[in-house]
Each structure stands twice: as structure tokens, then as C-alpha cells.
């Protein structure tokens, strides 16, 4: 019995040693990954500076948002309240939860973000009536609570950056990401008004030459109040906030996931060692 107790004590000690080793190893790998990511970002910036004149297809644009960036989320919440809440809701998110996650004091939240007549305990709802939305836009503006999860952040980023003037439409605007979109270019005062320039491309269809119009680039008709870099930052913050709204707990979930995996690895090792010790006595 004494020998078994000694062997069990050694097993536990070995398990603790294994846990420490795994923890140190994980920390080392995380630090190495962070260093590699920083190096990759630096290389990407250098390549971007070197090839600034290169034309990149709008379909290759990426949001590059950081949902753990609280300052960006705060700016995105401001953007959503000022430019989106008039038509769109976030019916699964409460003002109080937004204030807590984004570290916005209740007094500041109530004064600057929560609409008149609403309370922090309310869900984030638009004042637009469904019938008015149908009458004005042809359809009710969608709730945006899960839009980032449904369409992806890259889609939202491209959508907000590819509006252009189109006099054939009632809203006098259209969008490359969503053709014949019902939504008007509500951010044109910030971005400016753009025209889409197309080029003719010769293709073969069933052995016959066909000329197809393909988007080439945008040209500015009237500038907005923001320059290109400022508007890009505005869109990234807004998309970042919509990404957060789709799953407010995602940052905590990812952080906890690392520790859960570490726990399973460590105690799987301890369980294996204990199993080996017990079966050693049996045999």
C-alpha cells in the first residue's frame, strides 16, 4: 500500500511537471507566433508601399478588423448610431451590454448613444416602421445583428466602399457588391460621390466573340468630408462593431478556449500516467 502511495505521489508530481512544461511551451509558441505575425505585417506594409500604384480588384479587399480593439468598437458604435440606426436594428443586443463590453459609462451611453425615450435595458431598435421602409425602399431594411456572421466582414467592408452614382435608379446609386441594392448611398457625404468606369473585354461564347463590360475603377465626381484613408478607417470601425454585435462574447470565448485546450492536454497526460500506474499493479 505504501509503495502504491509513493508511486501515485510520483505520478502527481510528474503530472505537475508536465503541466508546467506544456504551459511554458505554449507561452513560447504564442510569443513566437506574435513575433511572426508582427514580421508578416511589417512585410505586408513594405510591399504595400512598394506597389502602391498597383490596381487591386475590389473583390480582393479585406476588412482586417480587430474585434478586441475597444477604441475601434467605440468609434464603430458611434458610426452605427449616427448613420445606421435610423433604418437598421440590432435586436439581439442591449444598450447596457454594449456599454459594458465597450467600457462606456452609463451616463455617457445614455447621453450620446441611447435614443430619446429608450433606456439602457432596451434592445437596440430602429424607430423606422416596417411599412415605411417598404414604402420608401421597396423592402424593410434588415436587422444587422447577425449580418457579419451571415455575410462575413469582408463582404460588409466591400459593400460600404463600392457605392457609385447610377441615374437609372430611384436612389441615384448602385453597388458593386450587391447590384440593384435598395439602400441609398447614405455615406456619400463622407466618402463623396463616385462614378464607376467600365471597360470592354472581348470573350468567346459558343465560339462567337462577345464584348462584355467589366468594372475597371472608380472616379470621384464630388469629394466628401473625409479623404480616402479616413473613410477607410470609418468603414473598418463600423464593420468591426457589426462583427462584435454578431457575437459579443467572441473575444472571451477565444481566450477561454486556449485554457480549455491546455487543461485537456495537461490532465489527459496525468490521466494516462495514472492509468499506467494502476495497470502496473494489476499486471
Protein backbone atom coordinates (compact mmCIF):
# COMPACT_ATOMS: atom_id res chain seq x y z
CA UNK A 1 0.00 0.00 0.00
CA UNK A 2 2.90 2.32 0.88
CA UNK A 3 4.60 1.59 -2.41
CA UNK A 4 1.40 2.38 -4.31
CA UNK A 5 1.05 5.66 -2.43
CA UNK A 6 4.65 6.58 -3.28
CA UNK A 7 4.13 5.72 -6.94
CA UNK A 8 0.89 7.78 -7.01
CA UNK A 9 2.73 10.75 -5.44
CA UNK A 10 5.43 10.47 -8.07
CA UNK A 11 2.74 10.33 -10.75
CA UNK A 12 1.10 13.52 -9.49
CA UNK A 13 4.47 15.26 -9.28
CA UNK A 14 5.27 14.18 -12.80
CA UNK A 15 1.87 15.45 -13.95
CA UNK A 16 2.52 18.86 -12.40
CA UNK A 17 5.91 18.98 -14.09
CA UNK A 18 4.24 18.10 -17.40
CA UNK A 19 1.67 20.88 -16.87
CA UNK A 20 4.41 23.44 -16.26
CA UNK A 21 6.30 22.27 -19.31
CA UNK A 22 3.22 22.50 -21.50
CA UNK A 23 2.40 25.96 -20.15
CA UNK A 24 5.92 27.23 -20.83
CA UNK A 25 5.86 25.64 -24.26
CA UNK A 26 2.54 27.24 -25.10
CA UNK A 27 3.81 30.64 -23.94
CA UNK A 28 6.87 30.27 -26.11
CA UNK A 29 4.79 29.31 -29.14
CA UNK A 30 2.40 32.22 -28.58
CA UNK A 31 5.27 34.69 -28.33
CA UNK A 32 6.84 33.23 -31.45
CA UNK A 33 3.52 33.43 -33.30
CA UNK A 34 3.10 37.07 -32.25
CA UNK A 35 6.59 37.88 -33.45
CA UNK A 36 5.94 36.14 -36.76
CA UNK A 37 2.65 37.98 -37.18
CA UNK A 38 4.37 41.31 -36.49
CA UNK A 39 7.04 40.47 -39.04
CA UNK A 40 4.42 39.49 -41.61
CA UNK A 41 2.54 42.74 -41.01
CA UNK A 42 5.73 44.73 -41.48
CA UNK A 43 6.48 42.88 -44.70
CA UNK A 44 2.94 43.47 -45.94
CA UNK A 45 3.24 47.19 -45.21
CA UNK A 46 6.54 47.32 -47.06
CA UNK A 47 5.07 45.53 -50.06
CA UNK A 48 2.06 47.84 -49.99
CA UNK A 49 4.31 50.90 -50.06
CA UNK A 50 6.38 49.47 -52.88
CA UNK A 51 3.35 48.58 -55.00
CA UNK A 52 1.07 51.49 -54.22
CA UNK A 53 0.46 52.07 -57.90
CA UNK A 54 -0.77 48.52 -58.46
CA UNK A 55 -4.51 48.27 -59.05
CA UNK A 56 -6.21 45.76 -56.74
CA UNK A 57 -9.62 44.30 -57.57
CA UNK A 58 -12.36 45.35 -55.16
CA UNK A 59 -13.21 41.69 -54.70
CA UNK A 60 -9.82 41.23 -53.04
CA UNK A 61 -10.41 43.90 -50.38
CA UNK A 62 -10.37 42.63 -46.80
CA UNK A 63 -11.78 44.27 -43.68
CA UNK A 64 -8.81 43.39 -41.48
CA UNK A 65 -10.85 44.31 -38.41
CA UNK A 66 -9.81 43.65 -34.80
CA UNK A 67 -12.83 42.79 -32.67
CA UNK A 68 -10.74 43.07 -29.48
CA UNK A 69 -9.88 46.72 -30.25
CA UNK A 70 -12.16 48.56 -27.81
CA UNK A 71 -11.37 52.03 -29.17
CA UNK A 72 -12.33 50.88 -32.67
CA UNK A 73 -15.55 49.33 -31.35
CA UNK A 74 -16.44 52.59 -29.59
CA UNK A 75 -15.99 54.53 -32.82
CA UNK A 76 -17.99 51.87 -34.67
CA UNK A 77 -20.85 52.18 -32.18
CA UNK A 78 -20.84 55.94 -32.76
CA UNK A 79 -20.89 55.40 -36.52
CA UNK A 80 -23.75 52.89 -36.32
CA UNK A 81 -25.83 55.16 -34.10
CA UNK A 82 -25.34 58.19 -36.34
CA UNK A 83 -25.69 56.59 -39.79
CA UNK A 84 -27.35 53.16 -39.48
CA UNK A 85 -29.77 53.15 -36.55
CA UNK A 86 -32.27 55.29 -38.44
CA UNK A 87 -33.14 52.25 -40.58
CA UNK A 88 -31.45 49.19 -39.03
CA UNK A 89 -31.79 47.45 -35.66
CA UNK A 90 -29.56 45.19 -33.57
CA UNK A 91 -32.46 43.37 -31.95
CA UNK A 92 -30.33 40.80 -30.09
CA UNK A 93 -28.09 43.34 -28.35
CA UNK A 94 -28.99 45.56 -25.40
CA UNK A 95 -27.61 49.06 -24.88
CA UNK A 96 -26.43 48.06 -21.40
CA UNK A 97 -24.44 45.10 -22.77
CA UNK A 98 -22.89 47.36 -25.39
CA UNK A 99 -21.88 49.87 -22.74
CA UNK A 100 -20.37 47.20 -20.50
CA UNK A 101 -18.39 45.49 -23.25
CA UNK A 102 -17.18 48.73 -24.84
CA UNK A 103 -16.35 50.30 -21.45
CA UNK A 104 -18.72 53.23 -21.98
CA UNK A 105 -20.01 54.79 -18.71
CA UNK A 106 -23.78 54.65 -18.32
CA UNK A 107 -24.13 58.44 -18.22
CA UNK A 108 -22.14 58.81 -21.42
CA UNK A 109 -24.01 55.94 -23.07
CA UNK A 110 -27.39 57.44 -22.23
CA UNK A 111 -26.41 60.94 -23.30
CA UNK A 112 -24.70 60.15 -26.59
CA UNK A 113 -25.92 56.79 -27.90
CA UNK A 114 -29.24 55.67 -26.40
CA UNK A 115 -32.13 57.29 -28.35
CA UNK A 116 -34.61 59.55 -26.63
CA UNK A 117 -37.32 57.51 -24.94
CA UNK A 118 -35.20 54.35 -24.69
CA UNK A 119 -33.34 53.01 -21.66
CA UNK A 120 -30.02 51.11 -21.37
CA UNK A 121 -32.02 47.93 -20.65
CA UNK A 122 -33.73 48.10 -24.06
CA UNK A 123 -32.62 46.23 -27.15
CA UNK A 124 -31.11 48.36 -29.91
CA UNK A 125 -34.12 49.04 -32.13
CA UNK A 126 -34.67 51.44 -35.02
CA UNK A 127 -37.51 53.94 -34.97
CA UNK A 128 -38.33 53.19 -38.63
CA UNK A 129 -41.66 51.45 -39.06
CA UNK A 130 -41.66 48.38 -41.29
CA UNK A 131 -44.40 49.78 -43.56
CA UNK A 132 -42.43 53.00 -44.06
CA UNK A 133 -39.35 51.01 -45.01
CA UNK A 134 -41.33 49.09 -47.62
CA UNK A 135 -42.87 52.28 -49.00
CA UNK A 136 -39.56 54.15 -49.22
CA UNK A 137 -37.10 51.41 -50.22
CA UNK A 138 -39.29 48.64 -51.60
CA UNK A 139 -38.47 46.36 -48.67
CA UNK A 140 -37.99 46.53 -44.93
CA UNK A 141 -34.34 47.31 -44.02
CA UNK A 142 -32.86 44.15 -42.46
CA UNK A 143 -31.80 43.75 -38.86
CA UNK A 144 -27.99 43.79 -38.70
CA UNK A 145 -27.46 41.75 -35.53
CA UNK A 146 -26.14 38.71 -37.39
CA UNK A 147 -25.23 40.30 -40.72
CA UNK A 148 -21.47 40.00 -40.13
CA UNK A 149 -21.85 36.31 -39.30
CA UNK A 150 -24.18 35.66 -42.24
CA UNK A 151 -22.29 37.54 -44.96
CA UNK A 152 -18.81 37.92 -43.47
CA UNK A 153 -16.89 41.05 -42.51
CA UNK A 154 -15.14 41.27 -45.88
CA UNK A 155 -18.48 41.47 -47.68
CA UNK A 156 -19.67 44.29 -45.41
CA UNK A 157 -16.40 46.15 -45.93
CA UNK A 158 -16.64 45.88 -49.71
CA UNK A 159 -20.33 46.77 -49.66
CA UNK A 160 -19.75 50.05 -47.83
CA UNK A 161 -16.90 51.01 -50.18
CA UNK A 162 -18.43 50.20 -53.57
CA UNK A 163 -21.42 52.53 -53.88
CA UNK A 164 -21.43 54.55 -57.08
CA UNK A 165 -23.72 57.02 -58.89
CA UNK A 166 -26.40 55.44 -61.08
CA UNK A 167 -29.01 57.82 -62.52
CA UNK A 168 -31.16 54.91 -63.75
CA UNK A 169 -32.14 54.02 -60.17
CA UNK A 170 -34.62 55.77 -57.91
CA UNK A 171 -31.95 56.21 -55.22
CA UNK A 172 -29.49 57.53 -57.84
CA UNK A 173 -26.94 54.99 -56.61
CA UNK A 174 -25.94 51.36 -57.02
CA UNK A 175 -23.41 48.97 -55.54
CA UNK A 176 -20.85 46.56 -56.99
CA UNK A 177 -21.16 44.08 -54.13
CA UNK A 178 -24.98 43.99 -54.32
CA UNK A 179 -26.37 45.04 -57.67
CA UNK A 180 -29.69 46.94 -57.66
CA UNK A 181 -29.40 47.46 -53.92
CA UNK A 182 -32.41 49.14 -52.28
CA UNK A 183 -30.23 51.03 -49.80
CA UNK A 184 -29.18 54.54 -50.89
CA UNK A 185 -25.58 55.71 -50.55
CA UNK A 186 -26.08 57.12 -47.06
CA UNK A 187 -22.34 57.60 -46.52
CA UNK A 188 -21.78 59.65 -49.69
CA UNK A 189 -21.42 62.84 -47.65
CA UNK A 190 -18.37 61.27 -46.02
CA UNK A 191 -16.87 59.34 -48.93
CA UNK A 192 -18.03 61.56 -51.77
CA UNK A 193 -19.91 60.61 -54.93
CA UNK A 194 -18.12 58.17 -57.26
CA UNK A 195 -18.72 57.06 -60.82
CA UNK A 196 -17.98 53.52 -61.92
CA UNK A 197 -15.80 53.25 -65.03
CA UNK A 198 -16.13 50.10 -67.11
CA UNK A 199 -14.02 48.67 -69.89
CA UNK A 200 -14.93 46.39 -72.78
CA UNK A 201 -13.50 42.90 -72.65
CA UNK A 202 -13.67 40.54 -75.63
CA UNK A 203 -14.67 36.98 -74.75
CA UNK A 204 -15.73 33.91 -76.70
CA UNK A 205 -19.17 32.38 -76.05
CA UNK A 206 -20.11 29.27 -78.04
CA UNK A 207 -17.34 30.07 -80.49
CA UNK A 208 -18.62 33.63 -81.09
CA UNK A 209 -16.88 36.82 -79.96
CA UNK A 210 -18.83 38.73 -77.29
CA UNK A 211 -17.98 42.12 -75.82
CA UNK A 212 -18.56 42.29 -72.06
CA UNK A 213 -18.46 45.38 -69.86
CA UNK A 214 -16.20 44.81 -66.84
CA UNK A 215 -15.66 47.22 -63.94
CA UNK A 216 -12.28 48.92 -64.13
CA UNK A 217 -12.09 51.66 -61.50
CA UNK A 218 -13.91 54.45 -59.68
CA UNK A 219 -13.59 58.13 -60.45
CA UNK A 220 -14.61 60.84 -57.99
CA UNK A 221 -17.43 63.14 -59.06
CA UNK A 222 -17.77 65.15 -55.85
CA UNK A 223 -15.46 64.78 -52.83
CA UNK A 224 -16.80 64.05 -49.37
CA UNK A 225 -15.83 65.38 -45.97
CA UNK A 226 -13.31 62.54 -45.44
CA UNK A 227 -10.30 61.63 -47.52
CA UNK A 228 -9.75 58.05 -48.71
CA UNK A 229 -7.74 56.95 -45.66
CA UNK A 230 -10.19 58.50 -43.20
CA UNK A 231 -13.19 56.92 -44.90
CA UNK A 232 -11.46 53.55 -44.97
CA UNK A 233 -10.87 53.82 -41.20
CA UNK A 234 -14.52 54.81 -40.74
CA UNK A 235 -15.71 51.71 -42.61
CA UNK A 236 -13.31 49.39 -40.76
CA UNK A 237 -14.54 50.67 -37.38
CA UNK A 238 -18.17 50.24 -38.45
CA UNK A 239 -17.59 46.69 -39.73
CA UNK A 240 -15.65 45.91 -36.57
CA UNK A 241 -18.63 46.94 -34.47
CA UNK A 242 -21.02 44.82 -36.55
CA UNK A 243 -18.65 41.88 -36.10
CA UNK A 244 -18.80 42.40 -32.34
CA UNK A 245 -22.61 42.75 -32.40
CA UNK A 246 -22.93 39.36 -34.11
CA UNK A 247 -21.24 37.63 -31.14
CA UNK A 248 -20.41 39.95 -28.23
CA UNK A 249 -18.72 37.15 -26.26
CA UNK A 250 -16.35 36.02 -29.02
CA UNK A 251 -13.20 37.60 -27.54
CA UNK A 252 -13.80 35.90 -24.17
CA UNK A 253 -14.66 32.63 -25.93
CA UNK A 254 -11.40 32.58 -27.86
CA UNK A 255 -9.35 33.47 -24.79
CA UNK A 256 -11.04 30.80 -22.69
CA UNK A 257 -10.62 28.25 -25.47
CA UNK A 258 -6.84 28.35 -25.12
CA UNK A 259 -7.06 27.49 -21.43
CA UNK A 260 -9.64 24.76 -22.04
CA UNK A 261 -7.38 23.08 -24.58
CA UNK A 262 -4.41 23.43 -22.20
CA UNK A 263 -6.47 21.92 -19.37
CA UNK A 264 -7.45 18.95 -21.53
CA UNK A 265 -3.86 18.36 -22.64
CA UNK A 266 -2.42 18.52 -19.13
CA UNK A 267 -4.98 16.33 -17.44
CA UNK A 268 -5.06 13.88 -20.33
CA UNK A 269 -1.36 13.38 -19.65
CA UNK A 270 -1.98 12.96 -15.91
CA UNK A 271 -4.82 10.51 -16.54
CA UNK A 272 -2.58 8.47 -18.86
CA UNK A 273 0.18 8.34 -16.24
CA UNK A 274 -2.28 7.29 -13.52
CA UNK A 275 -3.73 4.61 -15.79
CA UNK A 276 -0.26 3.27 -16.44
CA UNK A 277 0.48 3.23 -12.68
CA UNK A 278 -2.73 1.39 -11.78
CA UNK A 279 -2.35 -1.21 -14.51
CA UNK A 280 1.25 -1.76 -13.43
CA UNK A 281 -0.05 -3.07 -10.08
CA UNK A 282 -2.65 -5.27 -11.80
CA UNK A 283 -0.08 -6.95 -14.02
